[in-house]
C-alpha atoms as a PDB file:
ATOM      1  CA  MET A   1     -24.723 -12.870  -7.420  1.00  0.00           C
ATOM      2  CA  ALA A   2     -24.695 -11.264 -10.844  1.00  0.00           C
ATOM      3  CA  ARG A   3     -21.395 -10.697 -12.556  1.00  0.00           C
ATOM      4  CA  PHE A   4     -20.563  -8.033 -15.070  1.00  0.00           C
ATOM      5  CA  PRO A   5     -17.182  -9.187 -16.371  1.00  0.00           C
ATOM      6  CA  THR A   6     -15.035  -6.724 -18.215  1.00  0.00           C
ATOM      7  CA  THR A   7     -11.453  -6.343 -19.297  1.00  0.00           C
ATOM      8  CA  THR A   8     -11.551  -2.555 -19.157  1.00  0.00           C
ATOM      9  CA  SER A   9     -11.457   0.019 -16.391  1.00  0.00           C
ATOM     10  CA  LYS A  10     -15.015   1.190 -17.088  1.00  0.00           C
ATOM     11  CA  LEU A  11     -18.413  -0.229 -16.190  1.00  0.00           C
ATOM     12  CA  LYS A  12     -21.690   1.232 -17.425  1.00  0.00           C
ATOM     13  CA  VAL A  13     -24.076   1.496 -14.495  1.00  0.00           C
ATOM     14  CA  THR A  14     -27.640   0.549 -15.430  1.00  0.00           C
ATOM     15  CA  SER A  15     -30.964   0.807 -13.608  1.00  0.00           C
ATOM     16  CA  SER A  16     -30.968  -2.984 -13.138  1.00  0.00           C
ATOM     17  CA  MET A  17     -28.053  -2.557 -10.709  1.00  0.00           C
ATOM     18  CA  ALA A  18     -30.009  -0.255  -8.348  1.00  0.00           C
ATOM     19  CA  GLY A  19     -30.214  -1.604  -4.801  1.00  0.00           C
ATOM     20  CA  LYS A  20     -27.595  -4.284  -5.460  1.00  0.00           C
ATOM     21  CA  GLU A  21     -24.180  -4.520  -3.859  1.00  0.00           C
ATOM     22  CA  LEU A  22     -21.214  -3.922  -6.124  1.00  0.00           C
ATOM     23  CA  THR A  23     -17.648  -5.021  -5.552  1.00  0.00           C
ATOM     24  CA  VAL A  24     -14.735  -4.595  -7.894  1.00  0.00           C
ATOM     25  CA  THR A  25     -12.209  -7.374  -8.312  1.00  0.00           C
ATOM     26  CA  VAL A  26      -8.920  -6.730 -10.054  1.00  0.00           C
ATOM     27  CA  VAL A  27      -6.853  -9.638 -11.356  1.00  0.00           C
ATOM     28  CA  ALA A  28      -3.247  -9.106 -12.378  1.00  0.00           C
ATOM     29  CA  VAL A  29      -1.519 -11.698 -14.552  1.00  0.00           C
ATOM     30  CA  GLU A  30       2.057 -11.617 -15.787  1.00  0.00           C
ATOM     31  CA  ALA A  31       4.106 -14.479 -17.176  1.00  0.00           C
ATOM     32  CA  GLY A  32       6.647 -15.804 -14.694  1.00  0.00           C
ATOM     33  CA  ARG A  33       4.912 -14.279 -11.681  1.00  0.00           C
ATOM     34  CA  ALA A  34       2.142 -15.386  -9.353  1.00  0.00           C
ATOM     35  CA  ASP A  35      -1.287 -14.029 -10.237  1.00  0.00           C
ATOM     36  CA  GLY A  36      -2.583 -11.355  -7.898  1.00  0.00           C
ATOM     37  CA  THR A  37      -6.100 -10.262  -6.962  1.00  0.00           C
ATOM     38  CA  ALA A  38      -7.628  -7.429  -4.984  1.00  0.00           C
ATOM     39  CA  GLU A  39     -11.291  -6.824  -4.128  1.00  0.00           C
ATOM     40  CA  SER A  40     -12.968  -3.592  -3.055  1.00  0.00           C
ATOM     41  CA  LYS A  41     -15.415  -3.204  -0.198  1.00  0.00           C
ATOM     42  CA  ALA A  42     -19.035  -3.654  -1.278  1.00  0.00           C
ATOM     43  CA  VAL A  43     -21.143  -0.577  -1.969  1.00  0.00           C
ATOM     44  CA  THR A  44     -24.894  -0.488  -2.548  1.00  0.00           C
ATOM     45  CA  MET A  45     -25.831   1.018  -5.898  1.00  0.00           C
ATOM     46  CA  ARG A  46     -28.270   3.910  -5.756  1.00  0.00           C
ATOM     47  CA  GLY A  47     -31.064   4.078  -8.277  1.00  0.00           C
END
């Protein structure tokens, strides 16, 4: 599985992603609280 890590809310879609499944994982971190994560359903990238 390829990863395209980012710390922003944008991802540039490239032709190399065509036909691959994409999920988005959000990680929330705040001092004094438990970390939280959420993951989207997978979608297949069109090319």
